[in-house]
Structures are given as structure tokens and as C-alpha cells.
Amino acid sequence: MGKTRPNKKSSKSREKSVLGVGGSLSGKHKVNEDPSALLDQATILLQTGQADAALPLVERALNLAPSNSPNTLAALNLIAEVYVELGEIDAAREHFLRAVEIDPEGTIPESQGGGAEKFLWLAQLSEQGGADSVRWFERGVAALRQIIQSLEQSGKPDDLALAEEKKRKLANALCGVVEIYMTDLSWEEDAESRCESLVTEALLVAPNSPECLQTLASVRISQLRHDDARAALSRSLEFWKDLPPEDPNVPDFPTRISLSRLLMEVEMELEALEVLERLILEDDHSVEAWYLGGWCLYLLAQKEQAPKTAEAEENPASKRHASLVASREWLKQSLKLYDLIEYEDVRLKEHALELVQEMNKELGEDMDDESEAEDALAAGNDDDEWEDEIEAGSDSDDDHEMADS
């Protein structure tokens, strides 16, 4: 969910090469008729962004596996995840539900395709949302508690390490329920008390989880306890801000996007900008990251502040000008990418255009831009000039804009 779909053209070519290694699926080589081997191949393809190439392999494995074998349960879960990647949500939900029929309590070992994962997926894929999502999360939470208890009782080092991993998953599931009570079920009389108890449990299970601390901050913001929210967000940042991008303890991209929004909400714009600059270095085609960075810089300008990297004189007017210039560049980049990748958040585009037009009145028109592109921005049109400009020089533009910010 929320992941970028793989390039289908390249995936199909990979599919041919994978199926061609060691023979076809027609039965010449027994390894390709082994459901376990097919599932292993499909898993690798899915993990490397080749979901469409993984689909025929896992379909074959599902057809070959006896109905009562562990491979059937494993195949149902895997094919459901493949369908999620391909955007086929109804098909994904159907296969996860079939897996639940086989393992209704999540008590079958994960090595045999059981466990909690299917419940957590169904919580996110629920058509009804709200209470239905909560019920699926609760089934996943119950399964995870049993798994953690069993792993800890074994006392083996590998099992204890796996238990810690499952605790993080449990904490994230509890936070998922909190988010539902803060949105879809916020009208429930006990919503606030449920949020409080759930986030407390999540932090007891995984006290060093940045995601749990972000959830705590969200709860505190909803309670208008902004000082407590700022403290939670500062702790969340401390756990990973100095780690390299590839470190597994660094939260995923969407989580850090959410973090930047929370930081801006409690007026920690400088910290939010540091998060967003790092995100841009990891993915310079994220429309939302460029947009949030521009908005963040605009908010700094309103406070007559400038980012740490800006070359501005030590006076409020100079700092405001530096932030406005950088803000406009970030927002314009978000608008270029918006059209290039056909982004669908219309409200984001409207707000970005509104901010740029407002800054143009104070800063004047940006003479570095070609007049036609500037006119298109001011008018809010979707002219092709934006795509031509970014495709011709996106790399150099990105470097220039990062330097300005």
C-alpha cells in the first residue's frame, strides 16, 4: 500500500528471463514444479519490485500445492501481497480472507504460512474501515502476543531477537488502532481514553520506536498539549537522525513525511526542513516532499527566520527574503513533478500555486524561468513546458534548489 507500482514493461522482460532459467514451467525440470521453489522465486521477485513477474509463479504454486499443505497458506498470503503491489485490492482481500479461513487465530507457525500478517493487511484493506479495521487489528495483535510469548519462552538467542522484531510490529499495530480512533472513530465516547491506553501499551512494548513516539505526538496535538508533542517528536528524531539512510532503524519514507507534517504543526519548522531535505536526497521525485519543504520555508519566512544553510544577513528582512526565495523554488519543483508524474492531490497543487503567486507579488517574477513556464504557473495551467523543462535538466535544477534552501 502506498508503494510505487513496478515498471510493467521491465518486469515482463524480467519474468521471461526468470522463467527461462533452468527451463520452462512445463515440467521438464522438477525444481520448477516444486511449490516451495516457486514461492521462493516469487518472493525474491516481489522484494525486488517485480510483482507482475512474481504473479504467474505464485499462481502456479497455489495450483500445485495440496489444499491441506503449508504451501497453500503461504501461497495465499504471498499472492495477496503481490496483488496489493499491483493495485488489485479486491483480489488481495479475497486471498487474505481465504488464508484466514485456514488459520483463523494466527496460531499456525509463520514457517508454514501462518501468523498475524494477514490480519494486519486486512485491517488496512478493509472496505468499511473504522470498527471493522479495529477488529482485524485486534486479531493481529492477539496473534502477535501469542507469538512473542512463545519466542520469549524458548529463550534461544535467535528467538529472542525475533521477539523484539515482533514487538515492533505489535507496537505499530496498536498505533494503527490509535489512528483509527483519532479519525474514523473520533466520535466514540471512549475514543480519547482508548488512544491513551493503546499508545501507552505501544510505548511499553517498543519504547524506542520513532513511529510510536510520533503517534504519541499526534495524540498530544489533538489534546492541545503542544509542549508534550514537541518533546515526543524530539525524542523520535534522536533515535535515527544521525543514522545512514540504509540503516533499518530509520523510519520508512511515508512515516517521515508524516513526521515532517507533525513537526510543522507544532512549529518545529527547522527540524521539519532537515527531515525533508534528507527525504529529497533519497527521492528527488517526491511531489509531497518538495511541496512540504516549500510550505515549511514559507512558514519560516512568516516568522522572519531562515534555514541554517541559507546565506542571509543577520536581520529579519534578509532572513525572510532568503526563506521566501527558497520556498518558491521548492514549490515550483513540486509543481513540475506534479504534472510530470500525474499526481492526483488537487488540493496540494492549488495550495502550492496560491503560495507561489503570493510570493511573486513580494519577490517579483522569477527572471530565471522561461516566460512561458512562468505564465503557465501563474495561470494554474498544465502546459507541457513543465515536463520538457524538468526532463531536460532535473538534475541540475535539484542541485540548484537544494543549494538555495
Protein backbone atom coordinates (compact mmCIF):
# COMPACT_ATOMS: atom_id res chain seq x y z
CA MET A 1 0.00 0.00 0.00
CA GLY A 2 1.35 3.35 -0.91
CA LYS A 3 4.30 1.84 -2.72
CA THR A 4 5.17 2.78 -6.24
CA ARG A 5 3.99 0.30 -8.81
CA PRO A 6 6.77 -1.51 -10.66
CA ASN A 7 7.52 -0.71 -14.27
CA LYS A 8 5.44 -3.32 -16.06
CA LYS A 9 7.46 -3.28 -19.23
CA SER A 10 10.73 -4.01 -17.48
CA SER A 11 9.04 -6.50 -15.17
CA LYS A 12 7.74 -8.54 -18.08
CA SER A 13 11.18 -8.83 -19.57
CA ARG A 14 12.49 -9.98 -16.22
CA GLU A 15 9.68 -12.51 -16.00
CA LYS A 16 10.80 -14.12 -19.23
CA SER A 17 14.38 -14.34 -18.05
CA VAL A 18 13.39 -15.82 -14.67
CA LEU A 19 11.14 -18.42 -16.24
CA GLY A 20 13.80 -19.24 -18.77
CA VAL A 21 16.45 -20.12 -16.22
CA GLY A 22 16.51 -23.88 -15.73
CA GLY A 23 13.70 -24.49 -18.22
CA SER A 24 10.04 -23.57 -18.58
CA LEU A 25 7.19 -24.36 -16.23
CA SER A 26 6.05 -27.18 -18.49
CA GLY A 27 7.58 -29.86 -16.26
CA LYS A 28 10.97 -30.54 -17.82
CA HIS A 29 12.68 -29.59 -14.58
CA LYS A 30 11.15 -30.75 -11.32
CA VAL A 31 12.52 -27.78 -9.37
CA ASN A 32 10.07 -25.54 -11.19
CA GLU A 33 7.21 -27.88 -10.30
CA ASP A 34 8.02 -27.67 -6.59
CA PRO A 35 5.61 -25.18 -4.95
CA SER A 36 8.25 -24.22 -2.35
CA ALA A 37 10.78 -23.38 -5.07
CA LEU A 38 8.18 -21.36 -6.98
CA LEU A 39 7.26 -19.44 -3.84
CA ASP A 40 10.92 -18.70 -3.13
CA GLN A 41 11.38 -17.32 -6.67
CA ALA A 42 8.18 -15.27 -6.42
CA THR A 43 9.23 -13.84 -3.06
CA ILE A 44 12.53 -12.62 -4.50
CA LEU A 45 10.75 -11.03 -7.44
CA LEU A 46 8.27 -9.28 -5.15
CA GLN A 47 11.03 -7.98 -2.90
CA THR A 48 12.86 -6.55 -5.90
CA GLY A 49 9.85 -4.68 -7.26
CA GLN A 50 8.81 -7.22 -9.91
CA ALA A 51 5.32 -8.03 -8.70
CA ASP A 52 3.92 -8.70 -12.17
CA ALA A 53 6.68 -11.26 -12.81
CA ALA A 54 6.01 -12.87 -9.41
CA LEU A 55 2.30 -13.32 -10.08
CA PRO A 56 2.42 -16.31 -12.51
CA LEU A 57 4.90 -18.13 -10.27
CA VAL A 58 2.81 -17.84 -7.14
CA GLU A 59 -0.35 -18.72 -9.10
CA ARG A 60 1.38 -21.89 -10.28
CA ALA A 61 2.49 -22.71 -6.73
CA LEU A 62 -1.05 -22.23 -5.46
CA ASN A 63 -2.44 -24.56 -8.12
CA LEU A 64 0.17 -27.24 -7.44
CA ALA A 65 0.06 -27.23 -3.63
CA PRO A 66 -2.26 -29.73 -1.93
CA SER A 67 -5.17 -27.97 -0.21
CA ASN A 68 -4.04 -29.01 3.27
CA SER A 69 -0.33 -28.24 2.86
CA PRO A 70 1.64 -25.34 4.38
CA ASN A 71 2.45 -24.21 0.84
CA THR A 72 -1.21 -23.40 0.23
CA LEU A 73 -1.36 -20.98 3.16
CA ALA A 74 1.98 -19.44 2.24
CA ALA A 75 0.88 -19.05 -1.38
CA LEU A 76 -2.40 -17.37 -0.39
CA ASN A 77 -0.56 -14.79 1.70
CA LEU A 78 2.09 -14.20 -0.94
CA ILE A 79 -0.31 -13.85 -3.86
CA ALA A 80 -2.37 -11.40 -1.78
CA GLU A 81 0.73 -9.24 -1.22
CA VAL A 82 1.51 -9.41 -4.94
CA TYR A 83 -2.00 -8.17 -5.70
CA VAL A 84 -1.51 -5.30 -3.24
CA GLU A 85 1.61 -4.25 -5.13
CA LEU A 86 -0.28 -4.44 -8.42
CA GLY A 87 -3.11 -2.32 -7.04
CA GLU A 88 -5.65 -5.18 -7.24
CA ILE A 89 -7.07 -4.59 -3.77
CA ASP A 90 -10.23 -6.70 -4.14
CA ALA A 91 -8.20 -9.71 -5.25
CA ALA A 92 -5.72 -9.15 -2.41
CA ARG A 93 -8.52 -9.00 0.14
CA GLU A 94 -10.09 -12.17 -1.24
CA HIS A 95 -6.88 -14.18 -0.87
CA PHE A 96 -6.12 -12.86 2.61
CA LEU A 97 -9.64 -13.89 3.66
CA ARG A 98 -9.02 -17.39 2.28
CA ALA A 99 -5.85 -17.52 4.38
CA VAL A 100 -7.86 -16.52 7.46
CA GLU A 101 -10.21 -19.46 6.86
CA ILE A 102 -7.25 -21.82 7.12
CA ASP A 103 -5.59 -20.04 10.08
CA PRO A 104 -8.37 -18.14 11.89
CA GLU A 105 -6.40 -17.41 15.06
CA GLY A 106 -2.94 -16.98 13.54
CA THR A 107 -1.67 -19.98 15.52
CA ILE A 108 -0.12 -21.83 12.59
CA PRO A 109 3.65 -21.17 12.62
CA GLU A 110 4.91 -18.46 10.27
CA SER A 111 7.26 -21.03 8.74
CA GLN A 112 4.11 -22.74 7.47
CA GLY A 113 2.46 -19.57 6.19
CA GLY A 114 0.56 -18.70 9.36
CA GLY A 115 0.88 -15.85 11.82
CA ALA A 116 -0.52 -12.34 12.21
CA GLU A 117 0.39 -10.65 8.95
CA LYS A 118 -2.87 -11.41 7.10
CA PHE A 119 -4.93 -9.77 9.86
CA LEU A 120 -2.84 -6.60 9.75
CA TRP A 121 -3.20 -6.41 5.98
CA LEU A 122 -6.98 -6.86 6.19
CA ALA A 123 -7.14 -4.05 8.75
CA GLN A 124 -5.55 -1.74 6.19
CA LEU A 125 -7.53 -3.06 3.24
CA SER A 126 -10.94 -3.02 4.95
CA GLU A 127 -13.69 -1.54 2.79
CA GLN A 128 -15.69 -0.43 5.83
CA GLY A 129 -12.76 0.95 7.80
CA GLY A 130 -13.49 2.17 11.31
CA ALA A 131 -14.69 -0.59 13.62
CA ASP A 132 -14.04 -3.29 11.01
CA SER A 133 -10.40 -2.25 10.72
CA VAL A 134 -10.10 -2.22 14.51
CA ARG A 135 -11.43 -5.80 14.67
CA TRP A 136 -8.80 -7.01 12.20
CA PHE A 137 -6.05 -5.14 14.04
CA GLU A 138 -7.18 -6.74 17.31
CA ARG A 139 -6.96 -10.22 15.78
CA GLY A 140 -3.46 -9.42 14.57
CA VAL A 141 -2.49 -8.04 17.98
CA ALA A 142 -3.76 -11.18 19.72
CA ALA A 143 -1.77 -13.40 17.36
CA LEU A 144 1.38 -11.32 17.83
CA ARG A 145 1.11 -11.51 21.62
CA GLN A 146 0.98 -15.32 21.41
CA ILE A 147 3.94 -15.42 19.02
CA ILE A 148 6.02 -13.11 21.24
CA GLN A 149 5.23 -15.16 24.34
CA SER A 150 6.25 -18.38 22.61
CA LEU A 151 9.50 -16.89 21.31
CA GLU A 152 10.45 -15.48 24.71
CA GLN A 153 9.71 -18.76 26.46
CA SER A 154 12.11 -20.63 24.19
CA GLY A 155 14.98 -18.45 25.43
CA LYS A 156 17.05 -19.06 22.29
CA PRO A 157 19.06 -16.03 21.12
CA ASP A 158 17.57 -16.14 17.62
CA ASP A 159 14.06 -16.42 19.03
CA LEU A 160 14.64 -13.54 21.43
CA ALA A 161 15.87 -11.36 18.57
CA LEU A 162 12.79 -12.31 16.54
CA ALA A 163 10.61 -11.48 19.54
CA GLU A 164 11.96 -7.93 19.53
CA GLU A 165 11.09 -7.63 15.85
CA LYS A 166 7.56 -8.87 16.57
CA LYS A 167 7.24 -6.38 19.42
CA ARG A 168 7.88 -3.53 16.99
CA LYS A 169 5.19 -4.94 14.71
CA LEU A 170 2.83 -5.24 17.67
CA ALA A 171 3.52 -1.64 18.67
CA ASN A 172 2.84 -0.44 15.14
CA ALA A 173 -0.45 -2.37 15.08
CA LEU A 174 -1.51 -0.72 18.34
CA CYS A 175 -0.63 2.65 16.85
CA GLY A 176 -2.72 1.75 13.81
CA VAL A 177 -5.73 1.39 16.09
CA VAL A 178 -4.92 4.76 17.67
CA GLU A 179 -5.01 6.42 14.25
CA ILE A 180 -8.47 4.96 13.60
CA TYR A 181 -9.79 6.27 16.93
CA MET A 182 -8.38 9.69 16.07
CA THR A 183 -10.09 9.75 12.67
CA ASP A 184 -12.92 7.36 11.71
CA LEU A 185 -13.98 6.65 15.30
CA SER A 186 -13.21 10.03 16.88
CA TRP A 187 -16.92 10.43 17.70
CA GLU A 188 -16.85 7.43 20.07
CA GLU A 189 -17.25 8.45 23.72
CA ASP A 190 -14.19 6.48 24.80
CA ALA A 191 -12.01 7.45 21.82
CA GLU A 192 -9.59 9.58 23.84
CA SER A 193 -9.20 7.05 26.66
CA ARG A 194 -8.70 4.24 24.12
CA CYS A 195 -5.99 6.27 22.36
CA GLU A 196 -4.26 6.94 25.67
CA SER A 197 -4.22 3.29 26.75
CA LEU A 198 -3.19 2.00 23.31
CA VAL A 199 -0.29 4.39 22.82
CA THR A 200 0.87 3.71 26.39
CA GLU A 201 0.93 -0.02 25.69
CA ALA A 202 2.71 0.54 22.38
CA LEU A 203 5.47 2.50 24.11
CA LEU A 204 5.81 -0.15 26.83
CA VAL A 205 6.26 -2.78 24.11
CA ALA A 206 8.64 -0.69 21.97
CA PRO A 207 9.89 2.30 23.98
CA ASN A 208 12.48 3.27 21.35
CA SER A 209 10.12 3.22 18.39
CA PRO A 210 10.08 6.51 16.44
CA GLU A 211 6.70 5.55 14.98
CA CYS A 212 5.17 5.11 18.45
CA LEU A 213 6.54 8.44 19.58
CA GLN A 214 5.03 10.09 16.51
CA THR A 215 1.68 8.55 17.38
CA LEU A 216 2.04 9.85 20.93
CA ALA A 217 2.72 13.30 19.48
CA SER A 218 -0.44 13.08 17.35
CA VAL A 219 -2.48 12.26 20.46
CA ARG A 220 -0.93 15.16 22.38
CA ILE A 221 -1.61 17.57 19.50
CA SER A 222 -5.26 16.52 19.48
CA GLN A 223 -5.29 17.30 23.22
CA LEU A 224 -3.68 20.71 22.54
CA ARG A 225 -0.68 19.65 24.63
CA HIS A 226 1.86 21.00 22.16
CA ASP A 227 4.82 21.09 24.55
CA ASP A 228 4.39 17.37 25.21
CA ALA A 229 4.02 16.76 21.47
CA ARG A 230 7.26 18.63 20.77
CA ALA A 231 9.05 16.56 23.42
CA ALA A 232 7.81 13.31 21.86
CA LEU A 233 8.83 14.40 18.36
CA SER A 234 12.29 15.44 19.55
CA ARG A 235 12.78 12.01 21.13
CA SER A 236 11.58 10.35 17.93
CA LEU A 237 14.16 12.25 15.88
CA GLU A 238 17.01 11.42 18.25
CA PHE A 239 16.70 7.70 17.58
CA TRP A 240 17.54 7.91 13.87
CA LYS A 241 18.54 11.38 12.63
CA ASP A 242 22.27 10.61 12.71
CA LEU A 243 21.94 7.15 11.13
CA PRO A 244 22.73 6.46 7.45
CA PRO A 245 19.69 6.09 5.13
CA GLU A 246 20.17 2.33 4.73
CA ASP A 247 20.03 1.68 8.50
CA PRO A 248 16.95 -0.45 9.31
CA ASN A 249 16.19 1.77 12.31
CA VAL A 250 15.46 4.74 10.04
CA PRO A 251 11.66 5.01 9.61
CA ASP A 252 10.30 4.46 6.13
CA PHE A 253 9.64 7.31 3.71
CA PRO A 254 5.88 7.75 4.40
CA THR A 255 6.48 7.75 8.16
CA ARG A 256 9.00 10.56 7.83
CA ILE A 257 6.65 12.51 5.56
CA SER A 258 4.08 12.28 8.36
CA LEU A 259 6.76 13.32 10.85
CA SER A 260 7.53 16.48 8.88
CA ARG A 261 3.84 17.42 8.93
CA LEU A 262 3.67 16.92 12.70
CA LEU A 263 6.81 18.99 13.21
CA MET A 264 5.33 21.82 11.19
CA GLU A 265 2.08 21.57 13.14
CA VAL A 266 3.92 22.23 16.43
CA GLU A 267 6.08 24.98 14.88
CA MET A 268 9.30 22.98 14.68
CA GLU A 269 9.92 24.14 11.13
CA LEU A 270 13.73 23.92 11.20
CA GLU A 271 13.58 20.29 12.30
CA ALA A 272 10.90 19.57 9.69
CA LEU A 273 13.07 21.08 6.96
CA GLU A 274 16.02 18.88 7.95
CA VAL A 275 13.79 15.80 7.64
CA LEU A 276 12.51 16.95 4.23
CA GLU A 277 15.96 17.79 2.87
CA ARG A 278 17.04 14.26 3.74
CA LEU A 279 13.95 12.81 2.05
CA ILE A 280 14.69 14.78 -1.13
CA LEU A 281 18.21 13.38 -1.20
CA GLU A 282 16.71 9.88 -1.06
CA ASP A 283 13.94 10.51 -3.61
CA ASP A 284 14.00 13.76 -5.57
CA HIS A 285 10.78 12.85 -7.38
CA SER A 286 8.55 13.04 -4.30
CA VAL A 287 5.93 15.71 -5.00
CA GLU A 288 4.83 15.78 -1.37
CA ALA A 289 8.36 16.22 0.00
CA TRP A 290 9.06 19.19 -2.30
CA TYR A 291 5.66 20.72 -1.51
CA LEU A 292 6.07 20.33 2.26
CA GLY A 293 9.58 21.77 2.09
CA GLY A 294 8.26 24.82 0.24
CA TRP A 295 5.45 25.28 2.70
CA CYS A 296 7.85 24.86 5.63
CA LEU A 297 10.16 27.54 4.22
CA TYR A 298 7.17 29.81 3.70
CA LEU A 299 6.26 29.39 7.38
CA LEU A 300 9.85 30.25 8.35
CA ALA A 301 9.60 33.40 6.25
CA GLN A 302 6.45 34.42 8.11
CA LYS A 303 8.49 34.16 11.31
CA GLU A 304 11.32 36.13 9.66
CA GLN A 305 13.62 33.14 10.04
CA ALA A 306 15.89 31.39 7.54
CA PRO A 307 17.14 27.79 7.26
CA LYS A 308 20.55 27.10 8.74
CA THR A 309 22.12 26.65 5.31
CA ALA A 310 20.84 29.94 3.86
CA GLU A 311 23.29 32.76 3.20
CA ALA A 312 21.35 35.58 4.80
CA GLU A 313 22.40 38.62 6.79
CA GLU A 314 21.56 38.64 10.46
CA ASN A 315 18.47 40.74 10.14
CA PRO A 316 14.79 39.72 9.90
CA ALA A 317 14.20 41.18 6.44
CA SER A 318 17.14 39.31 4.91
CA LYS A 319 16.13 36.05 6.59
CA ARG A 320 12.57 36.44 5.37
CA HIS A 321 13.76 37.07 1.80
CA ALA A 322 16.07 34.03 1.84
CA SER A 323 13.28 31.77 3.05
CA LEU A 324 10.80 33.12 0.50
CA VAL A 325 13.21 32.59 -2.40
CA ALA A 326 13.94 29.03 -1.31
CA SER A 327 10.25 28.36 -0.65
CA ARG A 328 9.29 29.40 -4.16
CA GLU A 329 11.94 27.14 -5.68
CA TRP A 330 10.79 24.11 -3.69
CA LEU A 331 7.14 24.73 -4.52
CA LYS A 332 7.84 25.23 -8.22
CA GLN A 333 9.74 21.94 -8.27
CA SER A 334 6.75 20.21 -6.68
CA LEU A 335 4.50 21.66 -9.40
CA LYS A 336 6.81 20.48 -12.17
CA LEU A 337 6.85 16.97 -10.75
CA TYR A 338 3.10 17.09 -10.15
CA ASP A 339 2.43 17.33 -13.87
CA LEU A 340 5.28 15.04 -14.88
CA ILE A 341 4.11 12.06 -12.82
CA GLU A 342 0.40 12.95 -12.99
CA TYR A 343 -0.01 13.34 -9.24
CA GLU A 344 -3.62 13.36 -8.09
CA ASP A 345 -3.80 15.56 -4.99
CA VAL A 346 -5.56 18.60 -6.43
CA ARG A 347 -5.62 20.46 -3.11
CA LEU A 348 -1.84 20.19 -2.87
CA LYS A 349 -1.42 21.76 -6.30
CA GLU A 350 -3.89 24.54 -5.57
CA HIS A 351 -2.15 25.43 -2.32
CA ALA A 352 1.30 25.37 -3.95
CA LEU A 353 0.09 27.66 -6.75
CA GLU A 354 -1.53 30.01 -4.24
CA LEU A 355 1.70 30.30 -2.25
CA VAL A 356 3.85 30.86 -5.35
CA GLN A 357 1.54 33.56 -6.67
CA GLU A 358 1.58 35.28 -3.29
CA MET A 359 5.39 35.21 -3.19
CA ASN A 360 5.63 36.51 -6.76
CA LYS A 361 3.85 39.68 -5.59
CA GLU A 362 6.52 40.28 -2.96
CA LEU A 363 9.62 38.96 -4.75
CA GLY A 364 8.68 39.82 -8.32
CA GLU A 365 8.61 37.38 -11.20
CA ASP A 366 11.48 34.91 -11.29
CA MET A 367 13.54 36.03 -14.29
CA ASP A 368 15.50 32.76 -14.35
CA ASP A 369 12.42 30.97 -15.64
CA GLU A 370 11.31 30.92 -19.23
CA SER A 371 8.39 33.29 -19.64
CA GLU A 372 6.01 30.65 -20.95
CA ALA A 373 6.63 28.37 -17.99
CA GLU A 374 6.14 31.26 -15.57
CA ASP A 375 2.89 32.24 -17.27
CA ALA A 376 1.66 28.67 -17.02
CA LEU A 377 2.41 28.61 -13.31
CA ALA A 378 0.65 31.90 -12.65
CA ALA A 379 -2.42 30.78 -14.58
CA GLY A 380 -2.51 27.34 -12.99
CA ASN A 381 -2.38 25.62 -16.37
CA ASP A 382 -1.00 22.14 -17.07
CA ASP A 383 1.14 23.04 -20.09
CA ASP A 384 3.68 20.57 -21.40
CA GLU A 385 6.51 23.09 -20.90
CA TRP A 386 6.81 21.94 -17.28
CA GLU A 387 7.53 18.36 -18.32
CA ASP A 388 10.01 19.43 -21.00
CA GLU A 389 11.87 21.62 -18.54
CA ILE A 390 12.23 19.01 -15.82
CA GLU A 391 13.15 16.21 -18.21
CA ALA A 392 15.84 18.37 -19.80
CA GLY A 393 17.52 19.46 -16.58
CA SER A 394 16.03 17.99 -13.45
CA ASP A 395 19.41 17.01 -12.01
CA SER A 396 20.95 20.46 -12.27
CA ASP A 397 17.73 22.09 -11.04
CA ASP A 398 17.65 19.83 -8.00
CA ASP A 399 21.22 20.75 -7.07
CA HIS A 400 20.48 24.43 -7.53
CA GLU A 401 17.34 24.29 -5.42
CA MET A 402 18.96 22.35 -2.60
CA ALA A 403 21.75 24.89 -2.53
CA ASP A 404 19.29 27.74 -2.33
CA SER A 405 17.45 26.12 0.54
